């Protein structure tokens, strides 16, 4: 499967944005999906994961309560709804697929990565 993230852009602090991760060329519905981000000078950071059926989710403490991950397997798409955005959320956001569980998505060995989409939050 190949992945492509969409939906990044410029938003003011306190605003919301929804990212999409579209899968193609494979059986998207059989993979768990996760969202990650990376800022200049920082390591890649896990944000959220969702099981292949969408019945289990897992969040990092940094985004729990602000971000929501979901998926629509009929459309081979996963989403990251981001609310109450802060300037510290500015980063390149990536989605990844893995043959694993939502809880184990932070372990990135073997993950399939999509190209990132840039999110910029202005103060």
Protein backbone atom coordinates (compact mmCIF):
# COMPACT_ATOMS: atom_id res chain seq x y z
CA UNK A 1 0.00 0.00 0.00
CA UNK A 2 1.10 3.57 -0.68
CA UNK A 3 0.07 6.49 1.49
CA UNK A 4 -0.36 10.18 0.89
CA UNK A 5 -1.20 12.77 3.52
CA UNK A 6 -3.29 15.83 2.70
CA UNK A 7 -4.86 18.74 4.50
CA UNK A 8 -1.99 20.69 5.98
CA UNK A 9 -1.93 24.45 5.91
CA UNK A 10 -1.70 27.63 7.91
CA UNK A 11 -4.06 28.07 10.85
CA UNK A 12 -4.24 30.46 13.78
CA UNK A 13 -3.66 29.30 17.32
CA UNK A 14 -6.85 27.88 18.77
CA UNK A 15 -8.06 26.78 15.37
CA UNK A 16 -8.75 23.35 13.89
CA UNK A 17 -7.55 21.35 10.93
CA UNK A 18 -8.32 17.90 9.56
CA UNK A 19 -5.65 15.82 7.89
CA UNK A 20 -6.38 12.93 5.56
CA UNK A 21 -4.24 9.91 4.76
CA UNK A 22 -5.25 8.17 1.55
CA UNK A 23 -4.09 4.66 0.78
CA UNK A 24 -3.70 3.16 -2.67
CA UNK A 25 -2.28 0.12 -4.36
CA UNK A 26 -2.93 -2.28 -1.53
CA UNK A 27 -5.33 -3.47 1.12
CA UNK A 28 -5.50 -0.38 3.28
CA UNK A 29 -8.13 -1.94 5.51
CA UNK A 30 -5.73 -4.61 6.79
CA UNK A 31 -3.27 -2.13 8.28
CA UNK A 32 -3.26 -0.18 11.49
CA UNK A 33 -2.60 3.49 10.78
CA UNK A 34 -0.73 6.08 12.78
CA UNK A 35 -0.01 9.77 12.61
CA UNK A 36 3.38 11.22 13.42
CA UNK A 37 5.01 14.62 13.16
CA UNK A 38 8.48 16.07 13.00
CA UNK A 39 9.68 19.61 13.59
CA UNK A 40 13.10 20.95 12.55
CA UNK A 41 15.74 19.84 15.00
CA UNK A 42 13.40 17.42 16.77
CA UNK A 43 12.86 13.69 16.55
CA UNK A 44 9.82 12.20 14.90
CA UNK A 45 6.96 12.07 17.38
CA UNK A 46 4.08 9.59 17.54
CA UNK A 47 0.67 11.24 17.85
CA UNK A 48 -2.13 8.73 17.37
CA UNK A 49 -2.84 5.23 16.15
CA UNK A 50 -5.93 3.34 15.08
CA UNK A 51 -6.49 -0.38 14.57
CA UNK A 52 -7.30 -1.83 11.18
CA UNK A 53 -10.99 -2.10 12.05
CA UNK A 54 -11.07 1.27 13.72
CA UNK A 55 -12.25 -0.11 17.04
CA UNK A 56 -9.10 0.74 19.02
CA UNK A 57 -7.21 4.01 19.23
CA UNK A 58 -4.13 5.17 21.08
CA UNK A 59 -2.87 8.73 21.65
CA UNK A 60 0.24 10.38 22.94
CA UNK A 61 -0.15 12.55 26.01
CA UNK A 62 0.78 15.60 23.94
CA UNK A 63 -2.39 15.41 21.83
CA UNK A 64 -4.85 13.40 23.90
CA UNK A 65 -8.09 15.33 24.18
CA UNK A 66 -7.22 17.67 21.29
CA UNK A 67 -6.66 15.32 18.34
CA UNK A 68 -8.93 12.52 17.14
CA UNK A 69 -7.93 9.74 14.77
CA UNK A 70 -10.50 7.91 12.67
CA UNK A 71 -10.72 5.94 9.44
CA UNK A 72 -13.06 5.04 6.62
CA UNK A 73 -11.89 1.77 5.11
CA UNK A 74 -14.43 1.98 2.30
CA UNK A 75 -12.55 5.09 1.14
CA UNK A 76 -9.09 3.79 2.14
CA UNK A 77 -8.64 6.93 4.17
CA UNK A 78 -7.62 7.76 7.71
CA UNK A 79 -8.12 11.13 9.34
CA UNK A 80 -6.60 13.23 12.08
CA UNK A 81 -8.93 15.89 13.41
CA UNK A 82 -6.87 18.49 15.23
CA UNK A 83 -8.44 21.08 17.52
CA UNK A 84 -7.15 23.80 19.85
CA UNK A 85 -3.98 23.99 17.81
CA UNK A 86 -0.95 25.66 19.33
CA UNK A 87 2.19 27.11 17.71
CA UNK A 88 4.05 24.11 19.17
CA UNK A 89 1.99 21.88 16.87
CA UNK A 90 3.77 23.34 13.85
CA UNK A 91 5.46 20.44 12.07
CA UNK A 92 5.50 18.14 9.08
CA UNK A 93 2.80 15.55 9.67
CA UNK A 94 3.10 12.00 8.37
CA UNK A 95 0.83 9.01 8.29
CA UNK A 96 2.10 5.46 8.43
CA UNK A 97 0.63 1.99 8.11
CA UNK A 98 1.72 -1.06 10.01
CA UNK A 99 0.78 -4.69 10.47
CA UNK A 100 0.32 -4.15 14.16
CA UNK A 101 -2.07 -2.78 16.77
CA UNK A 102 -3.04 0.77 17.57
CA UNK A 103 -1.14 0.51 20.87
CA UNK A 104 2.02 -0.65 19.11
CA UNK A 105 2.01 2.00 16.36
CA UNK A 106 4.75 4.04 18.10
CA UNK A 107 7.11 1.14 17.28
CA UNK A 108 7.88 2.12 13.71
CA UNK A 109 9.86 -0.91 12.53
CA UNK A 110 8.37 -2.06 9.25
CA UNK A 111 5.98 0.84 8.91
CA UNK A 112 4.98 2.09 5.47
CA UNK A 113 5.28 5.86 5.31
CA UNK A 114 3.49 8.46 3.28
CA UNK A 115 4.77 11.86 2.28
CA UNK A 116 4.14 14.51 4.87
CA UNK A 117 1.89 17.50 4.91
CA UNK A 118 2.99 20.73 6.57
CA UNK A 119 0.96 22.26 9.37
CA UNK A 120 1.82 25.76 10.51
CA UNK A 121 0.10 27.31 13.51
CA UNK A 122 0.52 31.04 13.93
CA UNK A 123 0.31 32.78 17.29
